[in-house]
Protein backbone atom coordinates (compact mmCIF):
# COMPACT_ATOMS: atom_id res chain seq x y z
CA MET A 1 -0.19 0.52 -0.07
CA ASN A 2 2.05 3.40 -0.94
CA ARG A 3 1.52 5.06 -4.46
CA LYS A 4 1.10 8.35 -4.37
CA ASP A 5 -1.65 8.89 -6.49
CA ASP A 6 -3.60 6.95 -4.42
CA ILE A 7 -6.32 7.04 -1.38
CA LEU A 8 -6.63 5.90 1.48
CA LEU A 9 -10.17 6.49 2.83
CA VAL A 10 -10.46 5.40 7.01
CA ASP A 11 -13.75 5.46 8.48
CA GLY A 12 -12.49 7.51 12.01
CA TYR A 13 -14.24 6.33 14.75
CA ASN A 14 -13.74 2.44 13.73
CA MET A 15 -10.06 3.28 13.86
CA ILE A 16 -10.63 5.33 17.51
CA GLY A 17 -12.23 2.06 18.81
CA ALA A 18 -9.81 -0.50 17.32
CA TRP A 19 -6.32 1.40 18.10
CA PRO A 20 -5.90 0.70 21.58
CA VAL A 21 -4.08 3.78 22.59
CA LEU A 22 -7.32 6.11 20.97
CA GLU A 23 -10.42 3.60 22.60
CA LYS A 24 -8.66 4.53 26.17
CA LEU A 25 -7.84 7.76 25.41
CA LYS A 26 -11.68 8.40 23.61
CA GLU A 27 -13.11 7.07 27.04
CA TYR A 28 -11.28 10.35 29.34
CA ASP A 29 -12.17 13.24 25.62
CA LEU A 30 -12.83 11.62 22.39
CA GLU A 31 -12.25 15.54 20.63
CA GLU A 32 -8.79 14.74 21.29
CA ALA A 33 -8.73 10.88 20.11
CA ARG A 34 -10.14 12.38 17.50
CA ASP A 35 -7.11 15.19 17.00
CA LYS A 36 -4.59 12.51 17.62
CA LEU A 37 -6.31 10.15 15.04
CA LEU A 38 -5.40 12.85 12.83
CA ASP A 39 -2.34 14.05 13.76
CA MET A 40 -1.24 9.64 13.21
CA MET A 41 -3.01 10.10 9.61
CA ALA A 42 -1.45 13.31 8.56
CA ASP A 43 2.35 11.42 9.21
CA TYR A 44 1.14 8.80 7.35
CA GLN A 45 -0.17 11.03 4.38
CA GLY A 46 2.78 12.97 4.38
CA PHE A 47 5.77 10.21 4.74
CA THR A 48 3.30 7.50 2.51
CA GLY A 49 1.57 11.11 -0.23
CA MET A 50 -1.41 9.39 -0.81
CA GLN A 51 -5.00 11.09 -0.86
CA VAL A 52 -6.23 10.53 2.89
CA TYR A 53 -9.97 11.25 3.78
CA VAL A 54 -11.03 10.77 7.59
CA VAL A 55 -14.40 10.28 8.05
CA PHE A 56 -16.38 10.19 11.28
CA ASP A 57 -20.10 9.17 11.59
CA ALA A 58 -21.95 12.16 11.95
CA HIS A 59 -25.69 9.96 11.13
CA GLN A 60 -27.38 10.94 14.74
CA VAL A 61 -26.64 14.77 14.40
CA PRO A 62 -28.90 16.87 12.83
CA GLY A 63 -27.07 19.32 9.64
CA LEU A 64 -25.60 18.76 6.39
CA GLY A 65 -22.62 17.28 7.59
CA ALA A 66 -19.31 18.99 6.47
CA THR A 67 -15.61 18.57 4.87
CA TYR A 68 -12.66 20.39 5.20
CA ARG A 69 -9.13 20.21 5.03
CA HIS A 70 -6.35 20.17 8.00
CA HIS A 71 -2.77 19.29 7.57
CA LYS A 72 -3.68 18.14 4.20
CA LEU A 73 -6.13 15.20 5.37
CA THR A 74 -10.16 15.50 3.78
CA ILE A 75 -11.97 15.02 6.91
CA VAL A 76 -15.56 14.57 6.39
CA TYR A 77 -18.16 14.58 8.72
CA THR A 78 -20.89 12.92 7.40
CA LYS A 79 -25.01 14.44 6.64
CA GLU A 80 -27.65 13.38 9.02
CA LYS A 81 -29.13 9.73 8.04
CA GLU A 82 -25.61 9.30 6.09
CA THR A 83 -23.66 6.20 8.07
CA ALA A 84 -19.80 7.24 8.28
CA ASP A 85 -19.90 3.00 6.01
CA GLU A 86 -22.76 4.52 3.09
CA CYS A 87 -20.82 7.88 3.03
CA ILE A 88 -17.01 5.44 2.41
CA GLU A 89 -19.16 3.74 -0.10
CA ARG A 90 -20.48 7.01 -2.10
CA LEU A 91 -16.32 8.06 -2.04
CA CYS A 92 -14.90 5.29 -3.42
CA SER A 93 -17.38 5.98 -6.38
CA GLU A 94 -16.93 9.56 -6.85
CA LEU A 95 -12.88 8.49 -6.68
CA TYR A 96 -12.40 6.19 -8.83
CA VAL A 97 -10.12 6.44 -11.42
CA ARG A 98 -8.12 3.36 -13.34
CA ARG A 99 -4.98 2.85 -12.39
CA ARG A 100 -5.23 4.61 -8.70
CA ASN A 101 -6.13 1.87 -6.59
CA ILE A 102 -8.69 3.11 -3.43
CA TYR A 103 -8.33 1.06 0.68
CA VAL A 104 -11.02 1.53 2.33
CA ALA A 105 -9.42 0.84 6.19
CA THR A 106 -11.85 -0.18 8.74
CA SER A 107 -12.79 -3.07 10.68
CA ASP A 108 -15.73 -3.43 9.65
CA LEU A 109 -16.27 -7.01 7.52
CA VAL A 110 -20.10 -6.06 5.84
CA GLU A 111 -18.05 -2.13 5.12
CA GLN A 112 -15.15 -4.26 3.60
CA HIS A 113 -17.05 -6.25 2.32
CA VAL A 114 -19.10 -4.01 0.17
CA ALA A 115 -16.09 -1.42 -0.44
CA PHE A 116 -14.64 -4.83 -1.86
CA GLY A 117 -17.69 -5.14 -4.17
CA LYS A 118 -16.94 -1.02 -4.88
CA GLY A 119 -13.85 -2.25 -6.63
CA ALA A 120 -11.62 -0.59 -2.95
CA LEU A 121 -9.08 -1.86 -1.45
CA ARG A 122 -9.30 -3.38 1.91
CA VAL A 123 -7.05 -2.76 5.41
CA SER A 124 -8.39 -3.83 8.88
CA ALA A 125 -7.49 -1.19 11.12
CA ARG A 126 -4.79 -3.70 13.12
CA GLU A 127 -2.92 -3.89 9.11
CA LEU A 128 -3.28 0.43 9.17
CA LEU A 129 -1.48 0.41 12.80
CA ILE A 130 1.32 -1.26 11.72
CA ASP A 131 1.96 0.25 8.77
CA ILE A 132 1.20 3.61 10.68
CA GLY A 133 4.35 1.79 12.78
CA GLN A 134 6.29 0.65 10.58
CA ASN A 135 6.55 4.60 8.92
CA ARG A 136 7.01 5.59 11.89
CA LYS A 137 10.22 3.53 12.72
CA ASN A 138 11.29 4.29 8.68
CA ILE A 139 11.05 8.32 9.32
CA GLU A 140 13.64 7.69 12.61
CA GLN A 141 16.00 5.26 10.65
CA SER A 142 16.46 7.83 8.15
CA LEU A 143 16.89 10.86 10.19
CA ARG A 144 19.59 8.76 12.21
CA GLU A 145 20.91 8.02 9.17
CA ASP A 146 21.73 11.66 7.77
CA LYS A 147 24.55 13.48 8.07
CA PRO A 148 25.89 16.42 10.00
CA GLY A 149 25.32 19.28 7.43
CA THR A 150 23.35 17.78 5.35
CA ARG A 151 19.69 18.70 6.85
CA ASN A 152 18.40 22.00 5.56
CA SER A 153 21.64 23.32 4.57
CA VAL A 154 21.22 27.00 2.25
CA ASP A 155 25.41 27.57 2.41
CA GLY A 156 25.82 26.00 -1.42
CA ILE A 157 22.49 27.97 -2.97
CA VAL A 158 22.62 31.44 -1.06
CA SER A 159 25.36 34.07 -2.29
CA LEU A 160 27.18 35.55 0.24
CA GLU A 161 25.78 38.36 0.20
CA ILE A 162 22.12 37.29 1.66
CA ARG A 163 23.94 35.45 4.06
CA SER A 164 25.84 38.00 5.68
CA GLN A 165 21.91 39.59 5.60
CA LEU A 166 20.13 36.58 7.08
CA GLU A 167 22.73 36.64 9.88
CA LYS A 168 22.58 40.80 10.83
CA LEU A 169 18.18 39.80 10.94
CA ARG A 170 18.98 36.67 13.01
CA ARG A 171 21.42 38.73 15.59
CA GLY A 172 18.89 42.06 15.49
CA GLU A 173 21.33 44.01 14.07
CA LYS A 174 19.86 46.23 10.76
C-alpha cells in the first residue's frame, strides 16, 4: 500500500475504537482521540504521499455534513442520516479512477466487503496501525542516517550577500 496517487479512506470512529491508544483516550476525551487520529493520519499521509480522507459518522447529528481540510487531510463529517459506511461507499464511487488504488481502512467486515465490491482494497484497523508504526520507524531511521550538515543547508545555494543579511537578522542587527 503506498503509491503517490492512491487514496486511503479511513473510518475514523472505527479506528478510534480499534486502536488501543485511541480507545483509552476516547474514554476521557473523544475530541482528543479524534485529534490524535488526525495527527497520526497526517503523518502517514506525509510519509506515504497518499491522499487520506478521514470519515466521521455524524448520522445521529442534525445537519448537512461537512468536509474540510486539516494538516492537508480531507476530513468528512457525514450528512444527517448518512453513516460513515454509506459515505465511504459514495466516495469509493466518486473517487474511482483507473490506475489509482482506493484503500478503505475499517474493521467492519460488512463495510470491507461492500468496499471490495466497489473496487476498493481492504485494510483492517490492525494492518493500518502496523503500517503507521513501520513508517514511523522508517522516518526515525532515515533521520538517524542523515549526516550532520546535509539537512537544511542553504550554504551552497544562497549567495554570500544574502547569507550576511540573514546573519545580521539573526543577530538582531539592522
